């Protein structure tokens, strides 16, 4: 049976790298994105150029009605299939110190980074449970483990992902579904460049990272690929950092 993998926030950065790597592993990719159609099309082109298969699935992960509509359409077109791999990667930053942070900034970041996990996962796991197999990988962050100034909203959402990963892993283990989280450090992506964590006054210089360099999206993708493979059958409920020994 063909394995289908849904990657949220898959049009660029870490999501793009994960989508390409899972396509190389033989998964048919369901590529979610919110609005950047040009980047999503480019990711689809790269997957197909490498011999893979990809389908664009635009929706906002913070809107459950949009998620349900998109997935209802997909399930109706694939009545005998299910989504075996879910990578909850969609995320945003909207940084500000707590004193000046507006409620809208808090809710927007939590809605995408945390509530998006809930809406997407709740909709997808039914097929995994019925088929007694599945892989869920949540993309957390070093921010959820150690925290950075100006990022309390992002840190709250990413640390919550660590908790839900552990809890959901225990729920789904009897159904042979693994749930793990990957916590990247500073990775070379457009989103990272928007964050306070990336600013010179916080990074200071590359020597603040023990490996003396930023990570590459592909390096995160290699780890996700392993966790989604049958080689990781007995790994669940784990939070795996990929940060150049920064934490």
Protein backbone atom coordinates (compact mmCIF):
# COMPACT_ATOMS: atom_id res chain seq x y z
CA UNK A 1 0.00 0.00 0.00
CA UNK A 2 1.20 3.48 -0.84
CA UNK A 3 2.26 5.54 2.17
CA UNK A 4 0.86 9.06 2.31
CA UNK A 5 2.63 11.75 4.33
CA UNK A 6 1.04 15.08 5.27
CA UNK A 7 3.57 17.80 6.02
CA UNK A 8 2.11 21.04 7.36
CA UNK A 9 3.96 24.23 6.52
CA UNK A 10 5.74 22.31 3.80
CA UNK A 11 6.34 24.95 1.15
CA UNK A 12 9.81 26.05 2.26
CA UNK A 13 12.52 25.78 4.91
CA UNK A 14 12.45 22.75 7.18
CA UNK A 15 9.06 21.67 5.82
CA UNK A 16 10.34 21.62 2.24
CA UNK A 17 13.39 19.59 3.22
CA UNK A 18 11.23 17.08 5.10
CA UNK A 19 8.81 16.75 2.19
CA UNK A 20 11.65 16.07 -0.25
CA UNK A 21 13.31 13.54 2.04
CA UNK A 22 10.08 11.62 2.75
CA UNK A 23 9.35 11.56 -0.98
CA UNK A 24 12.76 9.96 -1.49
CA UNK A 25 11.69 7.37 1.08
CA UNK A 26 8.74 6.50 -1.14
CA UNK A 27 5.96 8.48 0.50
CA UNK A 28 3.37 10.29 -1.58
CA UNK A 29 3.47 13.82 -0.19
CA UNK A 30 0.47 15.91 0.78
CA UNK A 31 2.03 19.33 0.92
CA UNK A 32 0.22 21.79 3.15
CA UNK A 33 0.80 25.52 3.04
CA UNK A 34 -1.23 28.60 3.86
CA UNK A 35 -0.77 31.12 1.06
CA UNK A 36 2.66 31.00 -0.59
CA UNK A 37 1.58 29.17 -3.71
CA UNK A 38 4.76 29.92 -5.66
CA UNK A 39 6.99 28.31 -3.02
CA UNK A 40 4.63 25.34 -2.69
CA UNK A 41 4.71 24.80 -6.45
CA UNK A 42 8.51 24.93 -6.36
CA UNK A 43 8.60 22.30 -3.61
CA UNK A 44 6.26 20.11 -5.64
CA UNK A 45 8.50 20.57 -8.68
CA UNK A 46 11.58 19.55 -6.70
CA UNK A 47 9.83 16.44 -5.38
CA UNK A 48 8.68 15.40 -8.83
CA UNK A 49 12.09 16.13 -10.37
CA UNK A 50 13.54 13.63 -7.89
CA UNK A 51 10.99 11.02 -8.98
CA UNK A 52 8.53 11.57 -6.13
CA UNK A 53 4.84 12.35 -5.97
CA UNK A 54 3.26 15.42 -4.37
CA UNK A 55 -0.18 16.97 -4.06
CA UNK A 56 -0.74 20.53 -2.88
CA UNK A 57 -3.12 20.93 0.04
CA UNK A 58 -3.58 24.62 0.96
CA UNK A 59 -5.23 25.45 4.27
CA UNK A 60 -4.58 27.45 7.42
CA UNK A 61 -3.72 25.03 10.25
CA UNK A 62 -5.30 27.39 12.79
CA UNK A 63 -8.72 27.02 11.10
CA UNK A 64 -10.34 23.64 11.84
CA UNK A 65 -13.11 24.10 9.28
CA UNK A 66 -10.54 24.63 6.53
CA UNK A 67 -8.59 21.57 7.65
CA UNK A 68 -11.69 19.38 7.73
CA UNK A 69 -12.84 20.57 4.31
CA UNK A 70 -9.46 19.83 2.70
CA UNK A 71 -9.11 16.43 4.32
CA UNK A 72 -12.74 15.46 3.70
CA UNK A 73 -12.10 16.04 0.00
CA UNK A 74 -8.93 13.97 0.09
CA UNK A 75 -10.51 11.06 1.95
CA UNK A 76 -13.49 11.10 -0.42
CA UNK A 77 -11.08 10.77 -3.36
CA UNK A 78 -9.05 8.02 -1.58
CA UNK A 79 -11.69 5.87 0.17
CA UNK A 80 -9.38 2.87 0.62
CA UNK A 81 -6.32 4.77 1.81
CA UNK A 82 -5.20 6.73 4.84
CA UNK A 83 -2.49 9.16 5.90
CA UNK A 84 0.24 7.09 7.53
CA UNK A 85 2.68 9.92 8.31
CA UNK A 86 1.91 13.32 9.81
CA UNK A 87 4.60 15.93 10.34
CA UNK A 88 3.28 18.91 12.30
CA UNK A 89 5.76 21.47 11.07
CA UNK A 90 3.69 24.63 10.45
CA UNK A 91 4.88 27.47 12.64
CA UNK A 92 5.24 31.22 12.89
CA UNK A 93 7.03 33.73 15.08
CA UNK A 94 5.77 37.12 16.22
CA UNK A 95 8.34 38.30 18.74
CA UNK A 96 8.03 40.95 21.41
CA UNK A 97 9.00 41.28 25.06
CA UNK A 98 6.21 40.25 27.42
CA UNK A 99 5.67 43.80 28.64
CA UNK A 100 4.76 44.98 25.15
CA UNK A 101 3.23 41.84 23.67
CA UNK A 102 -0.34 42.28 22.45
CA UNK A 103 -2.93 39.54 23.06
CA UNK A 104 -3.23 39.11 19.29
CA UNK A 105 0.48 38.23 19.07
CA UNK A 106 0.09 35.62 21.80
CA UNK A 107 -3.01 34.01 20.31
CA UNK A 108 -1.77 34.03 16.73
CA UNK A 109 1.46 32.19 17.57
CA UNK A 110 -0.26 29.69 19.87
CA UNK A 111 -3.05 29.11 17.33
CA UNK A 112 -0.65 28.13 14.56
CA UNK A 113 2.13 26.38 16.50
CA UNK A 114 0.03 24.50 19.06
CA UNK A 115 -3.66 24.50 18.13
CA UNK A 116 -2.71 23.61 14.56
CA UNK A 117 -1.16 20.42 15.93
CA UNK A 118 -4.42 19.55 17.68
CA UNK A 119 -6.70 20.24 14.72
CA UNK A 120 -4.57 18.36 12.19
CA UNK A 121 -3.67 15.42 14.39
CA UNK A 122 -7.21 14.84 15.64
CA UNK A 123 -8.41 14.66 12.03
CA UNK A 124 -5.68 12.31 10.78
CA UNK A 125 -5.19 9.74 13.55
CA UNK A 126 -8.48 7.93 12.94
CA UNK A 127 -7.02 6.22 9.88
CA UNK A 128 -3.82 5.37 11.75
CA UNK A 129 -5.78 3.81 14.61
CA UNK A 130 -7.98 1.78 12.25
CA UNK A 131 -4.92 0.50 10.36
CA UNK A 132 -2.78 -0.05 13.47
CA UNK A 133 0.14 1.90 12.06
CA UNK A 134 1.28 5.50 11.90
CA UNK A 135 4.03 8.01 12.45
CA UNK A 136 3.55 11.45 13.97
CA UNK A 137 6.47 13.86 14.25
CA UNK A 138 6.00 17.25 15.88
CA UNK A 139 8.50 19.98 15.13
CA UNK A 140 9.19 21.71 18.44
CA UNK A 141 12.20 23.96 19.08
CA UNK A 142 15.11 24.60 21.38
CA UNK A 143 13.02 27.62 22.42
CA UNK A 144 10.56 25.22 24.00
CA UNK A 145 13.35 23.64 26.03
CA UNK A 146 15.38 26.62 27.21
CA UNK A 147 13.57 29.84 26.22
CA UNK A 148 14.79 33.08 24.70
CA UNK A 149 13.84 36.68 25.56
CA UNK A 150 11.16 38.18 23.37
CA UNK A 151 9.71 34.78 22.49
CA UNK A 152 7.39 33.83 25.35
CA UNK A 153 4.52 33.07 22.98
CA UNK A 154 6.65 30.85 20.75
CA UNK A 155 8.32 29.15 23.74
CA UNK A 156 4.92 28.45 25.31
CA UNK A 157 3.62 26.79 22.16
CA UNK A 158 6.76 24.78 21.45
CA UNK A 159 7.15 23.57 25.04
CA UNK A 160 3.49 22.53 25.02
CA UNK A 161 4.24 20.41 21.94
CA UNK A 162 6.77 18.52 24.04
CA UNK A 163 4.12 17.71 26.63
CA UNK A 164 1.48 16.64 24.14
CA UNK A 165 4.02 14.48 22.32
CA UNK A 166 4.68 12.48 25.47
CA UNK A 167 1.00 12.18 26.38
CA UNK A 168 -0.19 11.22 22.90
CA UNK A 169 2.60 8.67 22.54
CA UNK A 170 1.23 6.76 25.53
CA UNK A 171 -2.33 6.92 24.13
CA UNK A 172 -1.40 5.61 20.70
CA UNK A 173 1.34 3.09 21.56
CA UNK A 174 -1.11 0.13 21.76
CA UNK A 175 -2.11 0.88 18.16
CA UNK A 176 1.52 0.79 16.94
CA UNK A 177 1.55 4.51 16.25
CA UNK A 178 4.67 6.39 17.28
CA UNK A 179 4.68 10.04 18.32
CA UNK A 180 7.94 11.93 18.63
CA UNK A 181 9.13 15.53 18.63
CA UNK A 182 12.18 17.06 17.02
CA UNK A 183 13.54 20.21 18.63
CA UNK A 184 15.81 22.10 16.20
CA UNK A 185 18.20 24.79 17.31
CA UNK A 186 19.20 27.56 14.94
CA UNK A 187 18.55 26.33 11.40
CA UNK A 188 19.15 28.31 8.22
CA UNK A 189 15.55 29.21 7.29
CA UNK A 190 13.64 32.36 6.44
CA UNK A 191 11.49 32.05 9.56
CA UNK A 192 14.52 31.81 11.84
CA UNK A 193 15.84 35.06 10.43
CA UNK A 194 12.64 36.78 11.61
CA UNK A 195 13.00 35.67 15.23
CA UNK A 196 14.59 37.37 18.21
CA UNK A 197 16.55 34.16 18.77
CA UNK A 198 18.42 34.84 15.55
CA UNK A 199 19.30 38.47 16.30
CA UNK A 200 22.99 39.31 16.73
CA UNK A 201 22.56 40.40 20.34
CA UNK A 202 21.29 36.91 21.19
CA UNK A 203 23.42 34.81 18.88
CA UNK A 204 26.41 37.13 19.45
CA UNK A 205 28.45 35.13 16.94
CA UNK A 206 28.64 31.66 15.51
CA UNK A 207 30.94 30.65 18.36
CA UNK A 208 27.94 30.62 20.70
CA UNK A 209 27.03 27.30 19.04
CA UNK A 210 29.50 24.58 20.05
CA UNK A 211 29.65 23.20 16.49
CA UNK A 212 30.41 26.73 15.23
CA UNK A 213 27.71 26.76 12.56
CA UNK A 214 23.97 26.90 11.98
CA UNK A 215 22.10 23.76 11.09
CA UNK A 216 20.77 22.91 7.65
CA UNK A 217 17.09 22.08 6.97
CA UNK A 218 18.23 18.81 5.38
CA UNK A 219 19.80 17.72 8.66
CA UNK A 220 16.44 18.03 10.40
CA UNK A 221 14.82 16.16 7.51
CA UNK A 222 17.21 13.21 7.88
CA UNK A 223 16.13 12.77 11.49
CA UNK A 224 12.43 13.03 10.63
CA UNK A 225 12.93 10.49 7.86
CA UNK A 226 14.40 8.01 10.34
CA UNK A 227 11.59 8.54 12.85
CA UNK A 228 9.01 7.91 10.12
CA UNK A 229 10.68 4.68 9.00
CA UNK A 230 10.20 1.14 10.26
CA UNK A 231 13.67 1.36 11.78
CA UNK A 232 12.12 3.54 14.50
CA UNK A 233 9.32 1.14 15.48
CA UNK A 234 10.27 1.17 19.18
CA UNK A 235 10.98 4.89 19.49
CA UNK A 236 8.04 6.93 20.78
CA UNK A 237 7.41 9.76 23.20
CA UNK A 238 10.91 11.12 22.64
CA UNK A 239 12.10 14.72 22.26
CA UNK A 240 15.20 14.76 20.11
CA UNK A 241 17.28 17.91 19.86
CA UNK A 242 19.20 18.80 16.74
CA UNK A 243 21.16 21.89 17.70
CA UNK A 244 24.92 21.46 17.30
CA UNK A 245 25.33 20.76 21.04
CA UNK A 246 23.82 24.16 21.90
CA UNK A 247 21.67 22.57 24.64
